[in-house]
């Protein structure tokens, strides 16, 4: 990396968190032996289109780049999401894919049951099962499991099993019991109940079906265990790895930074009387995410975190509205201004109602319910302290004030927005890990506000580490 990069956008402080959460699966690609020539018609990053006429590249190059971007995405997820783990794919209940898969599985197990019920039993499917299970068990072993590996090779010796089949002496249930006992030694404690159920099962076909299902879960456990073990190493090198993979992606795109350039330069005003540093321009650009038009494509360098940024934007809006509602309610009922229990319950109830709100339309639909809840909270608090109930005239006036919160020029809401943005700006601009003061009037929202700032900081810090040199080059060229 060029030295000038560190001058403008230094790598993150060791004290600064650099992790976050999400689910992704790594895709695989195959090589094309004919190496046919094609053009790139769209970007390798979802939602990003090419800005310039495409150059010609081979299909092999495209596939290799696609795999690199997939690996880059997986690395990125592990690095920024401290809770990242691979999870079992659950197909929609009534989807065609699920129906086809379930039908095919059921057919397989029905055939196995029919073959084992014949006289004499037919073990064609059974042998296929044992071979697959042996392979699965061996794939789950760690280097120190040499004794278990030796036992598996000896007992699940497929040639020996075939001889037993030919001689009519195969005890299929014995192998089910043996496999279950091996799995009991290898599985994580969370799978103990699954193993116990298999041990108690008397139906041999049901047992083998359960074995396969449990092995799938054990493979997930092993994958997630491996991720946790190598996570520190991935975090230590992820920025450099992502940066190099992105450079390879740019080689296949004549202007793979077009949207990023427009995003950055929209916050650079050369005619400004005051000199603005590159760091300040980038900070403004990051803050613009909270006002992002979701119909507009994201900059290429933010594409992998698009969902995270949009989730942060939604949480930002919820906090702005929660705080504004609370401030209006308290200012209209001075007797409750210092009532901590009232404030706590009010914010809790508003937060619950706004928990799933995303966007202005959903907010508009939810505001009437929030207003009714606020009035209930106020009335309840007044009754507890023996104060007079709300008059009809006061209730109407308060409803009008609360309803006006969505007006574009609503002063209180705009002040709250400004204060939260300043808090977030200070959070991502600070060169140290020193605490950032919660904005005046927002102390009741300290927990969700600091949570928002923490997630935002982790994403921005990692993004700056990965793409800092690209940002410097773009801003230096203006």
Protein backbone atom coordinates (compact mmCIF):
# COMPACT_ATOMS: atom_id res chain seq x y z
CA UNK A 1 0.00 0.00 0.00
CA UNK A 2 1.23 3.50 -0.75
CA UNK A 3 2.44 5.57 2.17
CA UNK A 4 0.02 8.38 1.39
CA UNK A 5 -2.87 6.09 2.25
CA UNK A 6 -1.94 5.90 5.89
CA UNK A 7 -1.60 9.67 6.05
CA UNK A 8 -5.19 10.22 4.99
CA UNK A 9 -7.09 7.20 6.28
CA UNK A 10 -5.01 5.41 8.94
CA UNK A 11 -5.73 1.82 9.82
CA UNK A 12 -7.96 1.25 12.81
CA UNK A 13 -6.70 1.65 16.35
CA UNK A 14 -6.13 -1.70 18.11
CA UNK A 15 -8.62 -0.58 20.76
CA UNK A 16 -11.31 -0.02 18.16
CA UNK A 17 -13.82 -2.86 17.64
CA UNK A 18 -13.82 -4.32 14.16
CA UNK A 19 -16.50 -7.04 14.17
CA UNK A 20 -20.32 -7.42 13.54
CA UNK A 21 -23.10 -10.02 12.33
CA UNK A 22 -24.89 -11.80 9.30
CA UNK A 23 -25.23 -15.16 7.42
CA UNK A 24 -23.70 -16.11 4.05
CA UNK A 25 -22.75 -19.22 2.24
CA UNK A 26 -19.68 -19.61 0.03
CA UNK A 27 -20.50 -20.51 -3.55
CA UNK A 28 -18.35 -22.70 -5.75
CA UNK A 29 -17.49 -22.31 -9.42
CA UNK A 30 -16.13 -24.60 -12.12
CA UNK A 31 -13.54 -23.93 -14.84
CA UNK A 32 -14.56 -23.78 -18.47
CA UNK A 33 -12.20 -25.95 -20.49
CA UNK A 34 -12.96 -24.29 -23.81
CA UNK A 35 -12.12 -20.81 -22.51
CA UNK A 36 -14.78 -19.18 -24.65
CA UNK A 37 -14.68 -15.42 -25.00
CA UNK A 38 -17.49 -13.34 -23.56
CA UNK A 39 -18.08 -9.82 -22.38
CA UNK A 40 -18.94 -8.71 -18.87
CA UNK A 41 -22.53 -7.51 -18.98
CA UNK A 42 -22.86 -6.71 -15.30
CA UNK A 43 -20.78 -6.17 -12.22
CA UNK A 44 -19.63 -8.98 -9.99
CA UNK A 45 -20.93 -7.08 -6.99
CA UNK A 46 -24.74 -7.24 -6.64
CA UNK A 47 -26.49 -4.00 -7.47
CA UNK A 48 -23.49 -2.47 -9.22
CA UNK A 49 -23.47 -1.92 -12.97
CA UNK A 50 -20.57 -1.11 -15.23
CA UNK A 51 -20.12 2.56 -16.06
CA UNK A 52 -17.95 2.11 -19.15
CA UNK A 53 -18.07 -0.13 -22.24
CA UNK A 54 -16.90 -3.60 -21.22
CA UNK A 55 -13.56 -4.98 -22.26
CA UNK A 56 -13.18 -8.57 -23.47
CA UNK A 57 -12.16 -11.20 -20.96
CA UNK A 58 -12.29 -14.97 -20.93
CA UNK A 59 -15.02 -16.91 -19.18
CA UNK A 60 -12.33 -18.48 -17.03
CA UNK A 61 -11.30 -15.03 -15.79
CA UNK A 62 -14.90 -14.15 -15.01
CA UNK A 63 -15.48 -17.36 -13.07
CA UNK A 64 -12.24 -16.96 -11.16
CA UNK A 65 -13.15 -13.39 -10.26
CA UNK A 66 -16.63 -14.45 -9.17
CA UNK A 67 -15.14 -17.05 -6.87
CA UNK A 68 -12.69 -14.48 -5.51
CA UNK A 69 -15.56 -12.10 -4.75
CA UNK A 70 -17.45 -14.91 -3.03
CA UNK A 71 -14.42 -15.76 -0.89
CA UNK A 72 -13.92 -12.06 -0.21
CA UNK A 73 -17.54 -11.79 0.95
CA UNK A 74 -17.14 -14.75 3.30
CA UNK A 75 -13.93 -13.32 4.73
CA UNK A 76 -15.67 -9.96 5.16
CA UNK A 77 -18.58 -11.50 7.04
CA UNK A 78 -16.33 -13.35 9.47
CA UNK A 79 -14.26 -10.20 10.06
CA UNK A 80 -17.06 -7.71 10.69
CA UNK A 81 -19.63 -10.00 12.31
CA UNK A 82 -18.50 -11.34 15.68
CA UNK A 83 -21.59 -13.59 15.76
CA UNK A 84 -21.25 -14.90 12.22
CA UNK A 85 -21.93 -18.60 11.83
CA UNK A 86 -23.04 -20.96 9.12
CA UNK A 87 -26.61 -22.09 9.60
CA UNK A 88 -28.76 -24.81 8.13
CA UNK A 89 -30.62 -23.70 5.03
CA UNK A 90 -34.34 -23.76 5.77
CA UNK A 91 -36.43 -23.75 2.61
CA UNK A 92 -39.83 -21.98 2.65
CA UNK A 93 -42.48 -24.40 3.88
CA UNK A 94 -44.61 -24.45 0.72
CA UNK A 95 -41.86 -23.87 -1.82
CA UNK A 96 -41.48 -26.17 -4.82
CA UNK A 97 -37.84 -26.76 -3.98
CA UNK A 98 -38.74 -28.03 -0.50
CA UNK A 99 -41.50 -30.27 -1.83
CA UNK A 100 -39.18 -31.81 -4.44
CA UNK A 101 -36.38 -32.31 -1.91
CA UNK A 102 -38.67 -33.87 0.71
CA UNK A 103 -40.27 -36.14 -1.89
CA UNK A 104 -36.90 -37.38 -3.17
CA UNK A 105 -35.68 -38.05 0.36
CA UNK A 106 -38.85 -39.93 1.26
CA UNK A 107 -38.57 -42.07 -1.88
CA UNK A 108 -35.00 -43.00 -0.95
CA UNK A 109 -35.93 -44.07 2.58
CA UNK A 110 -39.02 -45.94 1.35
CA UNK A 111 -36.85 -47.93 -1.09
CA UNK A 112 -34.39 -48.73 1.70
CA UNK A 113 -37.22 -49.98 3.91
CA UNK A 114 -38.61 -52.15 1.10
CA UNK A 115 -35.21 -53.66 0.33
CA UNK A 116 -34.51 -54.50 3.98
CA UNK A 117 -37.98 -56.06 4.32
CA UNK A 118 -37.41 -58.50 1.46
CA UNK A 119 -36.52 -62.12 2.13
CA UNK A 120 -33.61 -62.33 1.90
CA UNK A 121 -32.91 -58.59 2.48
CA UNK A 122 -31.44 -56.54 -0.36
CA UNK A 123 -28.61 -54.27 0.75
CA UNK A 124 -27.93 -52.16 -2.36
CA UNK A 125 -29.12 -48.91 -0.76
CA UNK A 126 -27.71 -49.93 2.60
CA UNK A 127 -24.18 -50.24 1.19
CA UNK A 128 -24.44 -46.81 -0.41
CA UNK A 129 -25.55 -45.41 2.95
CA UNK A 130 -22.67 -46.99 4.87
CA UNK A 131 -20.13 -45.72 2.34
CA UNK A 132 -21.47 -42.17 2.60
CA UNK A 133 -21.65 -42.27 6.39
CA UNK A 134 -18.07 -43.53 6.62
CA UNK A 135 -16.91 -40.65 4.42
CA UNK A 136 -18.87 -38.16 6.52
CA UNK A 137 -17.45 -39.48 9.80
CA UNK A 138 -13.88 -39.34 8.52
CA UNK A 139 -14.37 -35.77 7.31
CA UNK A 140 -15.33 -34.70 10.83
CA UNK A 141 -12.21 -36.09 12.51
CA UNK A 142 -9.41 -33.88 13.76
CA UNK A 143 -5.74 -34.89 13.40
CA UNK A 144 -5.62 -36.13 17.01
CA UNK A 145 -8.47 -38.60 16.37
CA UNK A 146 -6.16 -41.26 14.92
CA UNK A 147 -7.56 -44.08 17.10
CA UNK A 148 -11.16 -43.30 16.10
CA UNK A 149 -10.10 -43.16 12.44
CA UNK A 150 -8.47 -46.56 12.74
CA UNK A 151 -11.62 -48.03 14.32
CA UNK A 152 -13.86 -46.57 11.60
CA UNK A 153 -11.64 -47.94 8.83
CA UNK A 154 -11.66 -51.39 10.42
CA UNK A 155 -15.34 -51.68 11.33
CA UNK A 156 -16.75 -49.86 8.32
CA UNK A 157 -14.53 -51.82 5.95
CA UNK A 158 -16.72 -51.83 2.86
CA UNK A 159 -15.11 -54.92 1.34
CA UNK A 160 -15.71 -56.87 4.54
CA UNK A 161 -19.29 -55.61 4.68
CA UNK A 162 -19.88 -56.76 1.08
CA UNK A 163 -18.57 -60.20 1.99
CA UNK A 164 -21.06 -60.36 4.86
CA UNK A 165 -23.84 -59.40 2.46
CA UNK A 166 -22.80 -62.14 0.04
CA UNK A 167 -22.75 -64.67 2.88
CA UNK A 168 -26.12 -63.48 4.23
CA UNK A 169 -24.73 -62.61 7.68
CA UNK A 170 -24.87 -58.79 7.65
CA UNK A 171 -26.33 -57.30 10.84
CA UNK A 172 -27.37 -53.87 9.60
CA UNK A 173 -28.64 -52.79 13.01
CA UNK A 174 -25.21 -53.46 14.53
CA UNK A 175 -23.69 -50.88 12.20
CA UNK A 176 -26.37 -48.36 13.13
CA UNK A 177 -25.48 -48.82 16.80
CA UNK A 178 -21.75 -48.56 16.11
CA UNK A 179 -22.11 -45.39 14.04
CA UNK A 180 -24.27 -43.82 16.74
CA UNK A 181 -21.65 -44.64 19.37
CA UNK A 182 -18.92 -43.00 17.28
CA UNK A 183 -21.04 -39.91 16.75
CA UNK A 184 -21.58 -39.69 20.52
CA UNK A 185 -17.80 -39.37 20.98
CA UNK A 186 -17.43 -36.73 18.29
CA UNK A 187 -20.48 -34.49 18.58
CA UNK A 188 -20.81 -31.20 20.43
CA UNK A 189 -22.82 -31.27 23.68
CA UNK A 190 -25.68 -29.49 21.92
CA UNK A 191 -26.26 -32.67 19.88
CA UNK A 192 -26.43 -35.04 22.87
CA UNK A 193 -30.23 -35.15 22.75
CA UNK A 194 -30.14 -36.14 19.07
CA UNK A 195 -27.74 -38.99 19.84
CA UNK A 196 -29.87 -40.14 22.78
CA UNK A 197 -32.94 -40.35 20.54
CA UNK A 198 -30.99 -42.37 17.96
CA UNK A 199 -29.81 -44.76 20.65
CA UNK A 200 -33.39 -45.42 21.80
CA UNK A 201 -34.79 -45.80 18.28
CA UNK A 202 -35.74 -49.40 17.40
CA UNK A 203 -36.53 -48.85 13.72
CA UNK A 204 -33.29 -49.30 11.77
CA UNK A 205 -34.42 -47.15 8.80
CA UNK A 206 -35.53 -44.33 11.08
CA UNK A 207 -32.20 -44.63 12.89
CA UNK A 208 -30.17 -44.23 9.71
CA UNK A 209 -32.34 -41.33 8.61
CA UNK A 210 -31.68 -39.67 11.97
CA UNK A 211 -27.97 -40.42 11.61
CA UNK A 212 -27.82 -38.51 8.32
CA UNK A 213 -29.75 -35.56 9.73
CA UNK A 214 -27.51 -35.41 12.79
CA UNK A 215 -24.35 -35.71 10.69
CA UNK A 216 -25.47 -32.65 8.72
CA UNK A 217 -25.79 -30.73 11.99
CA UNK A 218 -22.39 -31.98 13.15
CA UNK A 219 -20.82 -30.71 9.92
CA UNK A 220 -22.27 -27.27 10.67
CA UNK A 221 -20.88 -27.48 14.21
CA UNK A 222 -17.44 -28.36 12.86
CA UNK A 223 -17.54 -25.54 10.31
CA UNK A 224 -18.50 -23.01 12.97
CA UNK A 225 -15.88 -24.36 15.36
CA UNK A 226 -13.27 -23.90 12.64
CA UNK A 227 -14.47 -20.35 11.99
CA UNK A 228 -14.14 -19.48 15.68
CA UNK A 229 -10.63 -20.91 15.80
CA UNK A 230 -9.37 -19.01 12.76
CA UNK A 231 -11.41 -15.83 13.35
CA UNK A 232 -8.50 -13.89 14.97
CA UNK A 233 -6.27 -14.76 12.02
CA UNK A 234 -8.94 -13.74 9.52
CA UNK A 235 -9.56 -10.45 11.31
CA UNK A 236 -5.84 -9.71 11.36
CA UNK A 237 -5.50 -10.14 7.59
CA UNK A 238 -9.00 -9.57 6.23
CA UNK A 239 -8.50 -5.92 5.24
CA UNK A 240 -5.42 -6.71 3.17
CA UNK A 241 -7.08 -9.78 1.63
CA UNK A 242 -10.27 -7.91 0.71
CA UNK A 243 -8.27 -5.02 -0.72
CA UNK A 244 -6.24 -7.32 -2.98
CA UNK A 245 -9.32 -9.21 -4.17
CA UNK A 246 -11.06 -5.93 -4.92
CA UNK A 247 -8.06 -4.83 -6.99
CA UNK A 248 -8.39 -8.03 -9.00
CA UNK A 249 -12.08 -7.26 -9.50
CA UNK A 250 -11.19 -3.77 -10.76
CA UNK A 251 -8.91 -5.28 -13.41
CA UNK A 252 -12.01 -6.76 -15.05
CA UNK A 253 -13.97 -3.50 -14.87
CA UNK A 254 -12.88 -0.40 -16.72
CA UNK A 255 -14.50 1.83 -14.12
CA UNK A 256 -15.44 -0.29 -11.15
CA UNK A 257 -15.37 2.73 -8.84
CA UNK A 258 -17.80 4.96 -10.72
CA UNK A 259 -20.50 4.99 -8.03
CA UNK A 260 -17.91 5.32 -5.28
CA UNK A 261 -16.39 8.34 -7.02
CA UNK A 262 -19.79 10.04 -7.38
CA UNK A 263 -20.61 9.29 -3.73
CA UNK A 264 -17.38 10.82 -2.42
CA UNK A 265 -17.27 13.83 -4.71
CA UNK A 266 -20.86 14.76 -3.90
CA UNK A 267 -19.54 15.71 -0.46
CA UNK A 268 -16.56 17.67 -1.75
CA UNK A 269 -17.20 21.36 -2.35
CA UNK A 270 -14.09 22.97 -3.90
CA UNK A 271 -15.68 26.42 -3.66
CA UNK A 272 -16.02 26.14 0.12
CA UNK A 273 -14.15 28.98 1.82
CA UNK A 274 -12.88 26.64 4.50
CA UNK A 275 -10.42 23.95 3.46
CA UNK A 276 -11.95 20.51 3.96
CA UNK A 277 -9.64 17.57 4.59
CA UNK A 278 -10.05 14.25 2.83
CA UNK A 279 -10.88 12.72 6.21
CA UNK A 280 -13.74 15.21 6.71
CA UNK A 281 -15.11 14.52 3.24
CA UNK A 282 -15.10 10.78 3.88
CA UNK A 283 -16.79 11.25 7.25
CA UNK A 284 -19.55 13.30 5.60
CA UNK A 285 -19.92 10.57 3.00
CA UNK A 286 -20.30 7.88 5.65
CA UNK A 287 -22.91 9.98 7.49
CA UNK A 288 -24.90 10.39 4.28
CA UNK A 289 -25.91 6.74 4.65
CA UNK A 290 -28.50 7.84 7.21
CA UNK A 291 -30.25 9.89 4.50
CA UNK A 292 -29.73 7.38 1.71
CA UNK A 293 -32.35 7.09 -1.02
CA UNK A 294 -32.90 3.34 -1.12
CA UNK A 295 -33.82 3.51 -4.80
CA UNK A 296 -30.24 4.54 -5.57
CA UNK A 297 -27.50 1.88 -5.97
CA UNK A 298 -24.87 1.73 -3.26
CA UNK A 299 -21.23 2.67 -3.95
CA UNK A 300 -19.17 -0.36 -5.01
CA UNK A 301 -17.03 -0.16 -1.87
CA UNK A 302 -20.09 -0.30 0.40
CA UNK A 303 -21.96 -3.02 -1.50
CA UNK A 304 -21.10 -5.88 0.84
CA UNK A 305 -22.45 -3.92 3.81
CA UNK A 306 -25.52 -2.51 2.08
CA UNK A 307 -27.99 -4.43 4.25
CA UNK A 308 -26.10 -3.49 7.40
CA UNK A 309 -26.06 0.19 6.48
CA UNK A 310 -29.78 0.16 5.65
CA UNK A 311 -30.52 -1.57 8.96
CA UNK A 312 -28.50 1.13 10.72
CA UNK A 313 -30.46 3.79 8.84
CA UNK A 314 -33.74 2.23 10.01
CA UNK A 315 -32.51 2.07 13.61
CA UNK A 316 -31.36 5.70 13.36
CA UNK A 317 -34.86 6.73 12.26
CA UNK A 318 -36.47 4.74 15.08
CA UNK A 319 -34.23 6.41 17.67
CA UNK A 320 -34.94 9.87 16.24
CA UNK A 321 -38.69 9.31 16.46
CA UNK A 322 -38.55 7.66 19.88
CA UNK A 323 -36.56 10.55 21.31
CA UNK A 324 -38.76 13.19 19.65
CA UNK A 325 -41.97 11.58 20.89
CA UNK A 326 -40.53 11.39 24.40
CA UNK A 327 -39.36 15.02 24.42
CA UNK A 328 -42.73 16.32 23.21
CA UNK A 329 -44.65 14.24 25.74
CA UNK A 330 -42.48 15.30 28.68
CA UNK A 331 -42.43 18.98 27.72
CA UNK A 332 -46.23 19.05 27.65
CA UNK A 333 -46.62 17.44 31.07
CA UNK A 334 -44.05 19.23 33.29
CA UNK A 335 -45.15 17.33 36.37
CA UNK A 336 -43.71 14.15 34.81
CA UNK A 337 -40.44 15.62 33.52
CA UNK A 338 -38.39 14.21 36.42
CA UNK A 339 -40.39 11.00 36.77
CA UNK A 340 -37.78 8.37 35.83
CA UNK A 341 -40.24 5.48 35.86
CA UNK A 342 -42.57 7.31 33.49
CA UNK A 343 -39.75 8.12 31.06
CA UNK A 344 -38.41 4.58 31.14
CA UNK A 345 -41.79 2.96 30.50
CA UNK A 346 -42.68 5.53 27.83
CA UNK A 347 -39.49 4.90 25.85
CA UNK A 348 -39.89 1.14 26.30
CA UNK A 349 -43.44 1.16 24.92
CA UNK A 350 -42.59 3.48 22.02
CA UNK A 351 -39.57 1.32 21.14
CA UNK A 352 -41.71 -1.82 21.09
CA UNK A 353 -44.20 -0.23 18.70
CA UNK A 354 -41.45 1.03 16.39
CA UNK A 355 -39.29 -2.12 16.60
CA UNK A 356 -40.14 -3.42 13.12
CA UNK A 357 -40.62 -0.07 11.39
CA UNK A 358 -38.49 0.54 8.31
CA UNK A 359 -39.04 3.57 6.12
CA UNK A 360 -41.39 6.55 6.09
CA UNK A 361 -44.46 4.61 4.93
CA UNK A 362 -44.34 2.14 7.82
CA UNK A 363 -43.62 5.00 10.21
CA UNK A 364 -46.73 6.88 9.02
CA UNK A 365 -48.84 3.79 9.58
CA UNK A 366 -47.45 3.28 13.09
CA UNK A 367 -47.53 6.87 14.41
CA UNK A 368 -51.27 6.82 15.36
CA UNK A 369 -50.70 3.73 17.54
CA UNK A 370 -47.69 5.38 19.17
CA UNK A 371 -49.73 8.49 19.98
CA UNK A 372 -52.46 6.41 21.63
CA UNK A 373 -49.84 4.57 23.68
CA UNK A 374 -48.23 7.85 24.79
CA UNK A 375 -51.59 9.15 26.01
CA UNK A 376 -52.16 5.92 27.94
CA UNK A 377 -48.73 6.20 29.56
CA UNK A 378 -49.31 9.81 30.56
CA UNK A 379 -52.77 9.07 31.98
CA UNK A 380 -51.45 6.09 33.94
CA UNK A 381 -48.53 8.09 35.37
CA UNK A 382 -50.83 10.94 36.42
CA UNK A 383 -53.15 8.52 38.21
CA UNK A 384 -50.22 7.00 40.12
CA UNK A 385 -49.20 10.37 41.55
CA UNK A 386 -52.79 11.51 42.17
CA UNK A 387 -52.72 14.28 39.57
CA UNK A 388 -55.67 15.49 37.52
CA UNK A 389 -56.58 13.57 34.38
CA UNK A 390 -55.93 15.00 30.93
CA UNK A 391 -58.63 17.31 29.65
CA UNK A 392 -60.19 16.70 26.24
CA UNK A 393 -58.82 19.99 24.94
CA UNK A 394 -55.28 19.18 26.14
CA UNK A 395 -55.49 15.69 24.64
CA UNK A 396 -56.45 17.10 21.22
CA UNK A 397 -53.60 19.62 21.32
CA UNK A 398 -51.06 16.98 22.33
CA UNK A 399 -52.23 14.64 19.57
CA UNK A 400 -51.75 17.42 17.03
CA UNK A 401 -48.22 18.10 18.27
CA UNK A 402 -47.30 14.44 18.19
CA UNK A 403 -48.85 13.94 14.74
CA UNK A 404 -46.81 16.80 13.29
CA UNK A 405 -43.56 14.95 13.97
CA UNK A 406 -43.44 13.70 10.38
CA UNK A 407 -43.46 17.15 8.82
CA UNK A 408 -40.19 17.72 6.89
CA UNK A 409 -39.39 20.89 8.85
CA UNK A 410 -40.34 19.63 12.32
CA UNK A 411 -37.90 21.55 14.52
CA UNK A 412 -37.58 19.14 17.46
CA UNK A 413 -37.10 16.11 15.22
CA UNK A 414 -34.48 17.92 13.14
CA UNK A 415 -32.60 18.93 16.30
CA UNK A 416 -32.61 15.31 17.51
CA UNK A 417 -31.38 14.12 14.09
CA UNK A 418 -28.58 16.68 14.16
CA UNK A 419 -27.46 15.70 17.66
CA UNK A 420 -27.43 11.98 16.90
CA UNK A 421 -25.48 12.55 13.68
CA UNK A 422 -22.95 14.69 15.55
CA UNK A 423 -22.60 11.88 18.10
CA UNK A 424 -22.02 9.33 15.32
CA UNK A 425 -19.64 11.69 13.53
CA UNK A 426 -17.55 12.09 16.66
CA UNK A 427 -17.59 8.33 17.18
CA UNK A 428 -16.08 7.49 13.77
CA UNK A 429 -13.77 10.53 13.72
CA UNK A 430 -12.12 10.02 17.10
CA UNK A 431 -8.46 9.01 16.87
CA UNK A 432 -8.61 7.40 20.32
CA UNK A 433 -10.86 4.97 22.16
CA UNK A 434 -11.94 7.71 24.59
CA UNK A 435 -15.67 7.72 25.50
CA UNK A 436 -17.92 9.98 23.44
CA UNK A 437 -20.43 12.07 25.37
CA UNK A 438 -24.09 11.22 24.82
CA UNK A 439 -25.92 14.24 23.30
CA UNK A 440 -27.92 16.50 25.65
CA UNK A 441 -31.52 15.37 26.08
CA UNK A 442 -30.82 11.85 24.82
CA UNK A 443 -29.48 10.21 27.99
CA UNK A 444 -32.63 8.07 28.26
CA UNK A 445 -31.63 6.43 24.98
CA UNK A 446 -28.00 5.85 25.92
CA UNK A 447 -28.10 2.06 25.57
CA UNK A 448 -29.65 1.81 22.07
CA UNK A 449 -27.73 4.90 20.93
CA UNK A 450 -24.35 3.49 21.95
CA UNK A 451 -25.30 0.15 20.39
CA UNK A 452 -26.03 1.92 17.10
CA UNK A 453 -22.75 3.83 17.32
CA UNK A 454 -20.80 0.64 18.07
CA UNK A 455 -22.16 -1.22 15.05
CA UNK A 456 -21.64 1.81 12.83
CA UNK A 457 -18.07 2.24 14.05
CA UNK A 458 -17.15 -1.39 13.36
CA UNK A 459 -18.46 -1.30 9.80
CA UNK A 460 -16.95 2.09 8.97
CA UNK A 461 -13.57 1.21 10.51
CA UNK A 462 -13.28 -1.99 8.49
CA UNK A 463 -14.44 -0.27 5.32
CA UNK A 464 -11.88 2.49 5.79
CA UNK A 465 -9.14 -0.07 6.39
CA UNK A 466 -9.99 -1.94 3.19
CA UNK A 467 -10.74 0.90 0.79
CA UNK A 468 -8.82 3.83 2.29
CA UNK A 469 -6.27 3.98 -0.51
CA UNK A 470 -9.00 4.05 -3.17
CA UNK A 471 -10.73 6.93 -1.37
CA UNK A 472 -7.44 8.82 -1.12
CA UNK A 473 -6.73 8.38 -4.83
CA UNK A 474 -10.21 9.57 -5.82
CA UNK A 475 -10.09 12.67 -3.61
CA UNK A 476 -6.49 13.47 -4.55
CA UNK A 477 -7.42 13.52 -8.23
CA UNK A 478 -9.92 16.35 -7.78
